[in-house]
């Protein structure tokens, strides 16, 4: 693993993101060796150019006193993927919110917080309702946005690529009669199957969101989101991710992570 620092960051960006204009760039460190709550050390740098600035972050496992691994060794690779860990952390927080927040109104917790003058009973009830309402509204917005992105952006993009691929196969067969065109044929089959799956899963997600109207109260709605909406969002994401790996960049309607992190306009 390459350990980035202020001396090698610019060459690294030039090698991996040649479209990024780094002429006259100045690198400064932000919070060197700042350990977070997960025991990982974050290396964060700000790269300033004449057109703007960007943040570059690298996370490595923290070398603890009882650990024989030298985390400063350039050949050392962390045992866990940081991005995946952060994704699982957010997924876990979403899953447990409907379970944990109601305990704010448990008798022992109400007595503890009110006896010390931290919050009144009315303030606790208000916090409980606002937290769950914010949880529900946020995920409903995300779910509806996901359905809209799948139907109006992803499916048309994949269909356009499948159409051009089919036209390529037809042109090859016209030029060379009997040409098998196995690549184009299999690719169109995969893309067609994925668009069908995306369409079905988007419809199922829309139905899951509409079913929330039958929830009796905010807690029931939050539990329905946890049990039906969030799992369905995951099922819709799966074929979309698979389609992205098969669809060229010029067809895909959204920027890549590289564009989001390092693209300068």
C-alpha atoms as a PDB file:
ATOM      1  CA  UNK A   1       0.000   0.000   0.000  1.00  0.00           C
ATOM      2  CA  UNK A   2       1.306   3.443  -0.890  1.00  0.00           C
ATOM      3  CA  UNK A   3       1.460   5.700   2.142  1.00  0.00           C
ATOM      4  CA  UNK A   4       0.570   9.163   0.912  1.00  0.00           C
ATOM      5  CA  UNK A   5       2.284  12.255   2.281  1.00  0.00           C
ATOM      6  CA  UNK A   6       2.838  15.831   1.202  1.00  0.00           C
ATOM      7  CA  UNK A   7       5.823  14.868  -0.956  1.00  0.00           C
ATOM      8  CA  UNK A   8       4.264  12.090  -3.057  1.00  0.00           C
ATOM      9  CA  UNK A   9       0.603  13.120  -3.182  1.00  0.00           C
ATOM     10  CA  UNK A  10       0.875  15.245  -6.343  1.00  0.00           C
ATOM     11  CA  UNK A  11       2.739  12.553  -8.350  1.00  0.00           C
ATOM     12  CA  UNK A  12       0.151  10.025  -7.173  1.00  0.00           C
ATOM     13  CA  UNK A  13      -2.729  12.201  -8.406  1.00  0.00           C
ATOM     14  CA  UNK A  14      -0.959  12.866 -11.718  1.00  0.00           C
ATOM     15  CA  UNK A  15      -0.479   9.132 -12.273  1.00  0.00           C
ATOM     16  CA  UNK A  16      -3.979   7.972 -11.329  1.00  0.00           C
ATOM     17  CA  UNK A  17      -6.020  11.034 -12.355  1.00  0.00           C
ATOM     18  CA  UNK A  18      -4.218  12.615 -15.332  1.00  0.00           C
ATOM     19  CA  UNK A  19      -7.245  14.786 -16.152  1.00  0.00           C
ATOM     20  CA  UNK A  20      -6.770  16.647 -12.879  1.00  0.00           C
ATOM     21  CA  UNK A  21      -4.844  19.890 -13.363  1.00  0.00           C
ATOM     22  CA  UNK A  22      -2.238  19.946 -10.582  1.00  0.00           C
ATOM     23  CA  UNK A  23      -0.103  22.763 -11.965  1.00  0.00           C
ATOM     24  CA  UNK A  24       0.884  25.065  -9.148  1.00  0.00           C
ATOM     25  CA  UNK A  25      -0.891  22.866  -6.606  1.00  0.00           C
ATOM     26  CA  UNK A  26      -0.084  23.332  -2.922  1.00  0.00           C
ATOM     27  CA  UNK A  27      -0.552  20.459  -0.455  1.00  0.00           C
ATOM     28  CA  UNK A  28      -1.307  21.020   3.214  1.00  0.00           C
ATOM     29  CA  UNK A  29      -2.030  18.470   5.924  1.00  0.00           C
ATOM     30  CA  UNK A  30      -5.248  18.508   7.926  1.00  0.00           C
ATOM     31  CA  UNK A  31      -5.163  16.898  11.354  1.00  0.00           C
ATOM     32  CA  UNK A  32      -2.078  14.712  10.939  1.00  0.00           C
ATOM     33  CA  UNK A  33      -2.356  11.302  12.603  1.00  0.00           C
ATOM     34  CA  UNK A  34      -5.873  11.975  13.886  1.00  0.00           C
ATOM     35  CA  UNK A  35      -7.269   8.752  15.309  1.00  0.00           C
ATOM     36  CA  UNK A  36     -10.986   8.189  14.966  1.00  0.00           C
ATOM     37  CA  UNK A  37     -13.366   6.161  17.141  1.00  0.00           C
ATOM     38  CA  UNK A  38     -12.757   2.990  15.143  1.00  0.00           C
ATOM     39  CA  UNK A  39      -9.049   2.903  15.930  1.00  0.00           C
ATOM     40  CA  UNK A  40      -7.975   3.977  12.451  1.00  0.00           C
ATOM     41  CA  UNK A  41      -5.582   6.809  11.728  1.00  0.00           C
ATOM     42  CA  UNK A  42      -6.799   9.252   9.104  1.00  0.00           C
ATOM     43  CA  UNK A  43      -4.348  11.058   6.846  1.00  0.00           C
ATOM     44  CA  UNK A  44      -6.154  14.021   5.324  1.00  0.00           C
ATOM     45  CA  UNK A  45      -4.654  16.514   2.895  1.00  0.00           C
ATOM     46  CA  UNK A  46      -5.974  19.587   1.119  1.00  0.00           C
ATOM     47  CA  UNK A  47      -4.735  20.174  -2.416  1.00  0.00           C
ATOM     48  CA  UNK A  48      -5.172  23.779  -3.542  1.00  0.00           C
ATOM     49  CA  UNK A  49      -4.960  24.664  -7.224  1.00  0.00           C
ATOM     50  CA  UNK A  50      -5.683  27.811  -9.160  1.00  0.00           C
ATOM     51  CA  UNK A  51      -9.143  26.445  -9.988  1.00  0.00           C
ATOM     52  CA  UNK A  52     -10.166  25.309  -6.512  1.00  0.00           C
ATOM     53  CA  UNK A  53      -9.269  22.745  -3.901  1.00  0.00           C
ATOM     54  CA  UNK A  54      -9.953  19.118  -3.079  1.00  0.00           C
ATOM     55  CA  UNK A  55      -9.628  16.887  -0.041  1.00  0.00           C
ATOM     56  CA  UNK A  56      -7.676  13.614  -0.161  1.00  0.00           C
ATOM     57  CA  UNK A  57      -8.123  11.150   2.682  1.00  0.00           C
ATOM     58  CA  UNK A  58      -6.253   7.925   3.352  1.00  0.00           C
ATOM     59  CA  UNK A  59      -7.129   5.641   6.260  1.00  0.00           C
ATOM     60  CA  UNK A  60      -4.842   2.943   7.656  1.00  0.00           C
ATOM     61  CA  UNK A  61      -5.142   0.649  10.639  1.00  0.00           C
ATOM     62  CA  UNK A  62      -3.799   2.218  13.795  1.00  0.00           C
ATOM     63  CA  UNK A  63      -0.645   0.624  15.218  1.00  0.00           C
ATOM     64  CA  UNK A  64      -1.450  -0.103  18.849  1.00  0.00           C
ATOM     65  CA  UNK A  65       1.114  -0.629  21.598  1.00  0.00           C
ATOM     66  CA  UNK A  66       0.229  -4.318  21.882  1.00  0.00           C
ATOM     67  CA  UNK A  67       0.389  -4.885  18.119  1.00  0.00           C
ATOM     68  CA  UNK A  68       3.519  -6.296  16.470  1.00  0.00           C
ATOM     69  CA  UNK A  69       2.510  -4.987  13.041  1.00  0.00           C
ATOM     70  CA  UNK A  70       4.395  -1.919  11.854  1.00  0.00           C
ATOM     71  CA  UNK A  71       1.641   0.178  10.294  1.00  0.00           C
ATOM     72  CA  UNK A  72       4.266   2.643   8.994  1.00  0.00           C
ATOM     73  CA  UNK A  73       5.728  -0.033   6.719  1.00  0.00           C
ATOM     74  CA  UNK A  74       4.809   0.783   3.111  1.00  0.00           C
ATOM     75  CA  UNK A  75       4.258  -2.912   2.389  1.00  0.00           C
ATOM     76  CA  UNK A  76       1.635  -3.208   5.128  1.00  0.00           C
ATOM     77  CA  UNK A  77      -1.989  -3.589   3.995  1.00  0.00           C
ATOM     78  CA  UNK A  78      -4.873  -2.961   6.435  1.00  0.00           C
ATOM     79  CA  UNK A  79      -6.890  -6.079   7.304  1.00  0.00           C
ATOM     80  CA  UNK A  80     -10.175  -4.372   6.504  1.00  0.00           C
ATOM     81  CA  UNK A  81     -11.526  -2.204   3.743  1.00  0.00           C
ATOM     82  CA  UNK A  82     -12.320   1.210   5.183  1.00  0.00           C
ATOM     83  CA  UNK A  83     -15.020   2.220   2.715  1.00  0.00           C
ATOM     84  CA  UNK A  84     -16.846  -1.083   3.216  1.00  0.00           C
ATOM     85  CA  UNK A  85     -16.587  -0.655   6.994  1.00  0.00           C
ATOM     86  CA  UNK A  86     -18.088   2.824   6.809  1.00  0.00           C
ATOM     87  CA  UNK A  87     -20.894   1.520   4.583  1.00  0.00           C
ATOM     88  CA  UNK A  88     -21.667  -1.271   7.068  1.00  0.00           C
ATOM     89  CA  UNK A  89     -21.581   1.235   9.929  1.00  0.00           C
ATOM     90  CA  UNK A  90     -24.185   3.468   8.240  1.00  0.00           C
ATOM     91  CA  UNK A  91     -26.273   0.421   7.347  1.00  0.00           C
ATOM     92  CA  UNK A  92     -26.177  -0.760  10.968  1.00  0.00           C
ATOM     93  CA  UNK A  93     -27.179   2.648  12.351  1.00  0.00           C
ATOM     94  CA  UNK A  94     -30.155   2.746   9.999  1.00  0.00           C
ATOM     95  CA  UNK A  95     -31.228  -0.755  10.975  1.00  0.00           C
ATOM     96  CA  UNK A  96     -31.080  -0.185  14.728  1.00  0.00           C
ATOM     97  CA  UNK A  97     -32.674   3.289  14.887  1.00  0.00           C
ATOM     98  CA  UNK A  98     -36.272   1.986  15.162  1.00  0.00           C
ATOM     99  CA  UNK A  99     -35.119  -0.408  17.898  1.00  0.00           C
ATOM    100  CA  UNK A 100     -33.004   1.983  19.957  1.00  0.00           C
ATOM    101  CA  UNK A 101     -34.824   5.332  19.854  1.00  0.00           C
ATOM    102  CA  UNK A 102     -38.018   4.098  21.594  1.00  0.00           C
ATOM    103  CA  UNK A 103     -35.929   3.162  24.641  1.00  0.00           C
ATOM    104  CA  UNK A 104     -35.445   6.875  25.201  1.00  0.00           C
ATOM    105  CA  UNK A 105     -38.889   6.759  26.821  1.00  0.00           C
ATOM    106  CA  UNK A 106     -38.153   3.786  29.054  1.00  0.00           C
ATOM    107  CA  UNK A 107     -39.094   4.590  32.641  1.00  0.00           C
ATOM    108  CA  UNK A 108     -35.539   4.289  33.981  1.00  0.00           C
ATOM    109  CA  UNK A 109     -34.163   6.575  31.264  1.00  0.00           C
ATOM    110  CA  UNK A 110     -36.896   9.165  31.760  1.00  0.00           C
ATOM    111  CA  UNK A 111     -36.282   9.156  35.498  1.00  0.00           C
ATOM    112  CA  UNK A 112     -32.519   9.499  35.052  1.00  0.00           C
ATOM    113  CA  UNK A 113     -32.661  12.407  32.604  1.00  0.00           C
ATOM    114  CA  UNK A 114     -35.461  14.309  34.323  1.00  0.00           C
ATOM    115  CA  UNK A 115     -34.033  13.890  37.840  1.00  0.00           C
ATOM    116  CA  UNK A 116     -30.759  15.505  36.772  1.00  0.00           C
ATOM    117  CA  UNK A 117     -32.518  18.282  34.882  1.00  0.00           C
ATOM    118  CA  UNK A 118     -31.106  17.225  31.513  1.00  0.00           C
ATOM    119  CA  UNK A 119     -34.471  17.018  29.735  1.00  0.00           C
ATOM    120  CA  UNK A 120     -38.099  17.146  30.763  1.00  0.00           C
ATOM    121  CA  UNK A 121     -40.545  14.360  29.939  1.00  0.00           C
ATOM    122  CA  UNK A 122     -42.108  16.517  27.220  1.00  0.00           C
ATOM    123  CA  UNK A 123     -38.679  17.197  25.694  1.00  0.00           C
ATOM    124  CA  UNK A 124     -37.889  13.464  25.661  1.00  0.00           C
ATOM    125  CA  UNK A 125     -41.153  12.680  23.895  1.00  0.00           C
ATOM    126  CA  UNK A 126     -40.469  15.465  21.409  1.00  0.00           C
ATOM    127  CA  UNK A 127     -36.951  14.170  20.734  1.00  0.00           C
ATOM    128  CA  UNK A 128     -38.266  10.648  20.272  1.00  0.00           C
ATOM    129  CA  UNK A 129     -40.879  11.768  17.739  1.00  0.00           C
ATOM    130  CA  UNK A 130     -38.562  14.134  15.855  1.00  0.00           C
ATOM    131  CA  UNK A 131     -35.785  11.533  15.587  1.00  0.00           C
ATOM    132  CA  UNK A 132     -38.067   8.851  14.186  1.00  0.00           C
ATOM    133  CA  UNK A 133     -39.830  11.323  11.903  1.00  0.00           C
ATOM    134  CA  UNK A 134     -36.489  12.487  10.502  1.00  0.00           C
ATOM    135  CA  UNK A 135     -35.446   8.848  10.044  1.00  0.00           C
ATOM    136  CA  UNK A 136     -38.628   8.049   8.127  1.00  0.00           C
ATOM    137  CA  UNK A 137     -38.635  11.168   5.956  1.00  0.00           C
ATOM    138  CA  UNK A 138     -34.970  10.791   5.021  1.00  0.00           C
ATOM    139  CA  UNK A 139     -35.282   7.188   3.875  1.00  0.00           C
ATOM    140  CA  UNK A 140     -38.568   7.818   2.064  1.00  0.00           C
ATOM    141  CA  UNK A 141     -36.894  10.632   0.102  1.00  0.00           C
ATOM    142  CA  UNK A 142     -33.947   8.370  -0.681  1.00  0.00           C
ATOM    143  CA  UNK A 143     -36.226   5.504  -1.746  1.00  0.00           C
ATOM    144  CA  UNK A 144     -38.322   7.707  -4.043  1.00  0.00           C
ATOM    145  CA  UNK A 145     -35.153   9.211  -5.519  1.00  0.00           C
ATOM    146  CA  UNK A 146     -33.787   5.714  -6.078  1.00  0.00           C
ATOM    147  CA  UNK A 147     -36.920   4.676  -7.974  1.00  0.00           C
ATOM    148  CA  UNK A 148     -36.756   7.816 -10.115  1.00  0.00           C
ATOM    149  CA  UNK A 149     -33.036   7.311 -10.876  1.00  0.00           C
ATOM    150  CA  UNK A 150     -33.611   3.672 -11.836  1.00  0.00           C
ATOM    151  CA  UNK A 151     -36.557   4.373 -14.127  1.00  0.00           C
ATOM    152  CA  UNK A 152     -35.553   7.629 -15.789  1.00  0.00           C
ATOM    153  CA  UNK A 153     -31.748   7.412 -15.786  1.00  0.00           C
ATOM    154  CA  UNK A 154     -30.325   3.897 -15.394  1.00  0.00           C
ATOM    155  CA  UNK A 155     -32.792   1.858 -17.469  1.00  0.00           C
ATOM    156  CA  UNK A 156     -32.690   4.235 -20.483  1.00  0.00           C
ATOM    157  CA  UNK A 157     -28.872   4.334 -20.338  1.00  0.00           C
ATOM    158  CA  UNK A 158     -28.536   0.539 -20.282  1.00  0.00           C
ATOM    159  CA  UNK A 159     -31.158   0.182 -23.012  1.00  0.00           C
ATOM    160  CA  UNK A 160     -29.270   2.663 -25.220  1.00  0.00           C
ATOM    161  CA  UNK A 161     -26.064   0.652 -24.836  1.00  0.00           C
ATOM    162  CA  UNK A 162     -27.925  -2.610 -25.512  1.00  0.00           C
ATOM    163  CA  UNK A 163     -29.469  -1.099 -28.646  1.00  0.00           C
ATOM    164  CA  UNK A 164     -26.117   0.053 -29.999  1.00  0.00           C
ATOM    165  CA  UNK A 165     -24.633  -3.353 -29.218  1.00  0.00           C
ATOM    166  CA  UNK A 166     -27.466  -5.064 -31.099  1.00  0.00           C
ATOM    167  CA  UNK A 167     -26.930  -2.717 -34.058  1.00  0.00           C
ATOM    168  CA  UNK A 168     -23.245  -3.623 -34.032  1.00  0.00           C
ATOM    169  CA  UNK A 169     -24.088  -7.331 -34.173  1.00  0.00           C
ATOM    170  CA  UNK A 170     -26.541  -6.762 -37.022  1.00  0.00           C
ATOM    171  CA  UNK A 171     -23.953  -4.763 -38.982  1.00  0.00           C
ATOM    172  CA  UNK A 172     -21.324  -7.485 -38.494  1.00  0.00           C
ATOM    173  CA  UNK A 173     -23.713 -10.188 -39.681  1.00  0.00           C
ATOM    174  CA  UNK A 174     -24.622  -8.096 -42.709  1.00  0.00           C
ATOM    175  CA  UNK A 175     -20.962  -7.691 -43.569  1.00  0.00           C
ATOM    176  CA  UNK A 176     -19.982 -11.256 -42.689  1.00  0.00           C
ATOM    177  CA  UNK A 177     -22.929 -13.675 -43.142  1.00  0.00           C
ATOM    178  CA  UNK A 178     -22.983 -16.298 -40.427  1.00  0.00           C
ATOM    179  CA  UNK A 179     -20.832 -14.258 -38.045  1.00  0.00           C
ATOM    180  CA  UNK A 180     -21.646 -15.655 -34.557  1.00  0.00           C
ATOM    181  CA  UNK A 181     -21.374 -12.313 -32.697  1.00  0.00           C
ATOM    182  CA  UNK A 182     -21.288 -14.242 -29.422  1.00  0.00           C
ATOM    183  CA  UNK A 183     -19.973 -11.272 -27.458  1.00  0.00           C
ATOM    184  CA  UNK A 184     -22.713  -8.898 -28.570  1.00  0.00           C
ATOM    185  CA  UNK A 185     -25.442 -11.530 -28.225  1.00  0.00           C
ATOM    186  CA  UNK A 186     -24.500 -12.501 -24.663  1.00  0.00           C
ATOM    187  CA  UNK A 187     -24.035  -8.861 -23.655  1.00  0.00           C
ATOM    188  CA  UNK A 188     -27.476  -7.872 -24.945  1.00  0.00           C
ATOM    189  CA  UNK A 189     -29.012 -10.840 -23.101  1.00  0.00           C
ATOM    190  CA  UNK A 190     -27.352  -9.803 -19.832  1.00  0.00           C
ATOM    191  CA  UNK A 191     -28.311  -6.154 -20.219  1.00  0.00           C
ATOM    192  CA  UNK A 192     -31.916  -7.023 -21.090  1.00  0.00           C
ATOM    193  CA  UNK A 193     -32.196  -9.303 -18.056  1.00  0.00           C
ATOM    194  CA  UNK A 194     -30.762  -6.584 -15.812  1.00  0.00           C
ATOM    195  CA  UNK A 195     -33.128  -3.884 -17.095  1.00  0.00           C
ATOM    196  CA  UNK A 196     -36.069  -6.224 -16.512  1.00  0.00           C
ATOM    197  CA  UNK A 197     -34.853  -6.890 -12.975  1.00  0.00           C
ATOM    198  CA  UNK A 198     -34.269  -3.196 -12.271  1.00  0.00           C
ATOM    199  CA  UNK A 199     -37.793  -2.411 -13.505  1.00  0.00           C
ATOM    200  CA  UNK A 200     -39.347  -5.084 -11.255  1.00  0.00           C
ATOM    201  CA  UNK A 201     -37.356  -4.118  -8.166  1.00  0.00           C
ATOM    202  CA  UNK A 202     -38.106  -0.413  -8.675  1.00  0.00           C
ATOM    203  CA  UNK A 203     -41.828  -1.219  -8.802  1.00  0.00           C
ATOM    204  CA  UNK A 204     -41.535  -3.310  -5.640  1.00  0.00           C
ATOM    205  CA  UNK A 205     -39.736  -0.447  -3.864  1.00  0.00           C
ATOM    206  CA  UNK A 206     -42.418   2.015  -4.921  1.00  0.00           C
ATOM    207  CA  UNK A 207     -45.093  -0.306  -3.528  1.00  0.00           C
ATOM    208  CA  UNK A 208     -43.162  -0.689  -0.259  1.00  0.00           C
ATOM    209  CA  UNK A 209     -43.052   3.101   0.150  1.00  0.00           C
ATOM    210  CA  UNK A 210     -46.762   3.490  -0.620  1.00  0.00           C
ATOM    211  CA  UNK A 211     -47.562   0.802   1.959  1.00  0.00           C
ATOM    212  CA  UNK A 212     -46.126   3.048   4.673  1.00  0.00           C
ATOM    213  CA  UNK A 213     -49.352   5.045   4.576  1.00  0.00           C
ATOM    214  CA  UNK A 214     -51.029   2.198   6.444  1.00  0.00           C
ATOM    215  CA  UNK A 215     -48.693   2.540   9.421  1.00  0.00           C
ATOM    216  CA  UNK A 216     -50.595   3.461  12.552  1.00  0.00           C
ATOM    217  CA  UNK A 217     -47.935   5.706  14.110  1.00  0.00           C
ATOM    218  CA  UNK A 218     -44.389   6.941  13.610  1.00  0.00           C
ATOM    219  CA  UNK A 219     -42.842   3.954  15.386  1.00  0.00           C
ATOM    220  CA  UNK A 220     -44.757   1.473  13.233  1.00  0.00           C
ATOM    221  CA  UNK A 221     -43.695   3.400  10.131  1.00  0.00           C
ATOM    222  CA  UNK A 222     -40.045   3.297  11.174  1.00  0.00           C
ATOM    223  CA  UNK A 223     -40.267  -0.451  11.772  1.00  0.00           C
ATOM    224  CA  UNK A 224     -41.881  -0.970   8.353  1.00  0.00           C
ATOM    225  CA  UNK A 225     -39.058   0.997   6.754  1.00  0.00           C
ATOM    226  CA  UNK A 226     -36.514  -1.170   8.543  1.00  0.00           C
ATOM    227  CA  UNK A 227     -38.227  -4.426   7.584  1.00  0.00           C
ATOM    228  CA  UNK A 228     -39.444  -3.707   4.029  1.00  0.00           C
ATOM    229  CA  UNK A 229     -38.125  -0.508   2.460  1.00  0.00           C
ATOM    230  CA  UNK A 230     -34.426  -0.782   3.341  1.00  0.00           C
ATOM    231  CA  UNK A 231     -34.126  -4.447   2.236  1.00  0.00           C
ATOM    232  CA  UNK A 232     -35.910  -3.607  -1.035  1.00  0.00           C
ATOM    233  CA  UNK A 233     -33.525  -0.707  -1.647  1.00  0.00           C
ATOM    234  CA  UNK A 234     -30.702  -3.225  -1.365  1.00  0.00           C
ATOM    235  CA  UNK A 235     -32.403  -5.562  -3.828  1.00  0.00           C
ATOM    236  CA  UNK A 236     -32.781  -2.711  -6.331  1.00  0.00           C
ATOM    237  CA  UNK A 237     -29.192  -1.624  -5.906  1.00  0.00           C
ATOM    238  CA  UNK A 238     -27.821  -5.067  -6.825  1.00  0.00           C
ATOM    239  CA  UNK A 239     -28.856  -5.152 -10.532  1.00  0.00           C
ATOM    240  CA  UNK A 240     -28.017  -1.452 -10.881  1.00  0.00           C
ATOM    241  CA  UNK A 241     -24.476  -2.123  -9.673  1.00  0.00           C
ATOM    242  CA  UNK A 242     -24.186  -5.079 -12.043  1.00  0.00           C
ATOM    243  CA  UNK A 243     -25.402  -2.991 -14.968  1.00  0.00           C
ATOM    244  CA  UNK A 244     -22.860  -0.280 -14.152  1.00  0.00           C
ATOM    245  CA  UNK A 245     -19.988  -2.756 -14.529  1.00  0.00           C
ATOM    246  CA  UNK A 246     -21.175  -3.616 -18.058  1.00  0.00           C
ATOM    247  CA  UNK A 247     -22.136  -0.149 -19.289  1.00  0.00           C
ATOM    248  CA  UNK A 248     -19.452   2.152 -20.771  1.00  0.00           C
ATOM    249  CA  UNK A 249     -18.861   5.500 -19.126  1.00  0.00           C
ATOM    250  CA  UNK A 250     -20.265   7.480 -22.074  1.00  0.00           C
ATOM    251  CA  UNK A 251     -23.675   5.847 -21.560  1.00  0.00           C
ATOM    252  CA  UNK A 252     -23.766   5.854 -17.752  1.00  0.00           C
ATOM    253  CA  UNK A 253     -25.699   8.910 -16.537  1.00  0.00           C
ATOM    254  CA  UNK A 254     -23.854   9.427 -13.249  1.00  0.00           C
ATOM    255  CA  UNK A 255     -20.254  10.394 -12.446  1.00  0.00           C
ATOM    256  CA  UNK A 256     -17.856   7.781 -11.114  1.00  0.00           C
ATOM    257  CA  UNK A 257     -16.381   7.977  -7.611  1.00  0.00           C
ATOM    258  CA  UNK A 258     -13.166   9.214  -9.186  1.00  0.00           C
ATOM    259  CA  UNK A 259     -15.050  12.046 -10.869  1.00  0.00           C
ATOM    260  CA  UNK A 260     -16.789  12.971  -7.626  1.00  0.00           C
ATOM    261  CA  UNK A 261     -13.629  12.936  -5.508  1.00  0.00           C
ATOM    262  CA  UNK A 262     -11.083  14.388  -7.883  1.00  0.00           C
ATOM    263  CA  UNK A 263     -12.981  16.035 -10.723  1.00  0.00           C
ATOM    264  CA  UNK A 264     -12.381  19.760 -10.936  1.00  0.00           C
ATOM    265  CA  UNK A 265     -14.670  21.863 -13.137  1.00  0.00           C
END
